[in-house]
Amino acid sequence: MNEAHACKWRCKGCGRLLGIVEGNRLEIRFARGHQYRVALPATCVCRNPECNTLNELSPGSRVSPAK
């Protein structure tokens, strides 16, 4: 993934990192080395047990630049 054009997708409830967006692709990584690249749109529930917010991401949605 080209970090120069990547953006962070964060939970709208708690701010936890959900994935990295580049163009119309989303990269998701979590425990035990699982890693996925999926096309947008995407929907997920935050894995933070105190949050559990439903998050939706569509092409053109606002996300913060990756640093």
C-alpha atoms as a PDB file:
ATOM      1  CA  MET A   1       0.000   0.000   0.000  1.00  0.00           C
ATOM      2  CA  ASN A   2       1.347   3.417  -0.944  1.00  0.00           C
ATOM      3  CA  GLU A   3       1.498   5.309   2.370  1.00  0.00           C
ATOM      4  CA  ALA A   4       1.739   8.677   0.551  1.00  0.00           C
ATOM      5  CA  HIS A   5      -1.907   8.371  -0.562  1.00  0.00           C
ATOM      6  CA  ALA A   6      -3.258   6.327   2.367  1.00  0.00           C
ATOM      7  CA  CYS A   7      -5.768   7.564   4.958  1.00  0.00           C
ATOM      8  CA  LYS A   8      -6.797   6.193   8.348  1.00  0.00           C
ATOM      9  CA  TRP A   9     -10.372   5.028   8.889  1.00  0.00           C
ATOM     10  CA  ARG A  10     -11.243   5.476  12.559  1.00  0.00           C
ATOM     11  CA  CYS A  11     -14.278   4.558  14.640  1.00  0.00           C
ATOM     12  CA  LYS A  12     -16.700   7.467  14.854  1.00  0.00           C
ATOM     13  CA  GLY A  13     -17.495   6.480  18.465  1.00  0.00           C
ATOM     14  CA  CYS A  14     -14.103   5.988  20.126  1.00  0.00           C
ATOM     15  CA  GLY A  15     -11.478   6.832  17.487  1.00  0.00           C
ATOM     16  CA  ARG A  16      -9.956   3.344  17.328  1.00  0.00           C
ATOM     17  CA  LEU A  17      -8.151   2.579  14.049  1.00  0.00           C
ATOM     18  CA  LEU A  18     -10.362   0.359  11.866  1.00  0.00           C
ATOM     19  CA  GLY A  19      -8.354   0.291   8.636  1.00  0.00           C
ATOM     20  CA  ILE A  20      -6.253   2.125   6.066  1.00  0.00           C
ATOM     21  CA  VAL A  21      -7.928   3.511   2.929  1.00  0.00           C
ATOM     22  CA  GLU A  22      -6.216   4.038  -0.414  1.00  0.00           C
ATOM     23  CA  GLY A  23      -8.435   4.971  -3.341  1.00  0.00           C
ATOM     24  CA  ASN A  24     -11.404   2.601  -3.340  1.00  0.00           C
ATOM     25  CA  ARG A  25      -9.630  -0.121  -1.324  1.00  0.00           C
ATOM     26  CA  LEU A  26      -9.574  -0.701   2.428  1.00  0.00           C
ATOM     27  CA  GLU A  27      -6.847  -2.650   4.233  1.00  0.00           C
ATOM     28  CA  ILE A  28      -7.919  -4.301   7.485  1.00  0.00           C
ATOM     29  CA  ARG A  29      -5.511  -6.015   9.909  1.00  0.00           C
ATOM     30  CA  PHE A  30      -6.203  -7.588  13.264  1.00  0.00           C
ATOM     31  CA  ALA A  31      -5.140 -10.311  15.725  1.00  0.00           C
ATOM     32  CA  ARG A  32      -3.140 -13.393  14.719  1.00  0.00           C
ATOM     33  CA  GLY A  33      -1.856 -11.814  11.510  1.00  0.00           C
ATOM     34  CA  HIS A  34      -5.169 -11.648   9.652  1.00  0.00           C
ATOM     35  CA  GLN A  35      -4.982  -9.084   6.849  1.00  0.00           C
ATOM     36  CA  TYR A  36      -7.608  -8.261   4.214  1.00  0.00           C
ATOM     37  CA  ARG A  37      -7.930  -5.810   1.297  1.00  0.00           C
ATOM     38  CA  VAL A  38     -11.517  -5.113   0.335  1.00  0.00           C
ATOM     39  CA  ALA A  39     -13.329  -2.809  -2.086  1.00  0.00           C
ATOM     40  CA  LEU A  40     -15.542  -0.003  -0.786  1.00  0.00           C
ATOM     41  CA  PRO A  41     -18.201   0.400   0.494  1.00  0.00           C
ATOM     42  CA  ALA A  42     -17.430  -1.306   3.830  1.00  0.00           C
ATOM     43  CA  THR A  43     -19.258  -1.603   7.135  1.00  0.00           C
ATOM     44  CA  CYS A  44     -17.960  -2.831  10.499  1.00  0.00           C
ATOM     45  CA  VAL A  45     -18.733  -2.800  14.188  1.00  0.00           C
ATOM     46  CA  CYS A  46     -15.939  -1.415  16.375  1.00  0.00           C
ATOM     47  CA  ARG A  47     -14.106  -4.218  18.210  1.00  0.00           C
ATOM     48  CA  ASN A  48     -13.707  -2.072  21.340  1.00  0.00           C
ATOM     49  CA  PRO A  49     -16.050  -3.813  23.842  1.00  0.00           C
ATOM     50  CA  GLU A  50     -16.931  -0.455  25.418  1.00  0.00           C
ATOM     51  CA  CYS A  51     -17.913   1.055  22.044  1.00  0.00           C
ATOM     52  CA  ASN A  52     -19.472  -1.404  19.530  1.00  0.00           C
ATOM     53  CA  THR A  53     -20.367   1.483  17.176  1.00  0.00           C
ATOM     54  CA  LEU A  54     -21.507   0.640  13.651  1.00  0.00           C
ATOM     55  CA  ASN A  55     -19.157   2.349  11.167  1.00  0.00           C
ATOM     56  CA  GLU A  56     -19.760   2.742   7.423  1.00  0.00           C
ATOM     57  CA  LEU A  57     -17.275   3.820   4.766  1.00  0.00           C
ATOM     58  CA  SER A  58     -18.206   4.685   1.188  1.00  0.00           C
ATOM     59  CA  PRO A  59     -16.031   5.916  -1.678  1.00  0.00           C
ATOM     60  CA  GLY A  60     -15.500   9.637  -1.121  1.00  0.00           C
ATOM     61  CA  SER A  61     -16.059   9.491   2.658  1.00  0.00           C
ATOM     62  CA  ARG A  62     -13.864  11.739   4.779  1.00  0.00           C
ATOM     63  CA  VAL A  63     -10.987   9.996   6.523  1.00  0.00           C
ATOM     64  CA  SER A  64      -7.854  11.417   8.172  1.00  0.00           C
ATOM     65  CA  PRO A  65      -4.503  11.268   6.345  1.00  0.00           C
ATOM     66  CA  ALA A  66      -2.183   8.466   7.498  1.00  0.00           C
ATOM     67  CA  LYS A  67       1.039   9.591   9.203  1.00  0.00           C
END
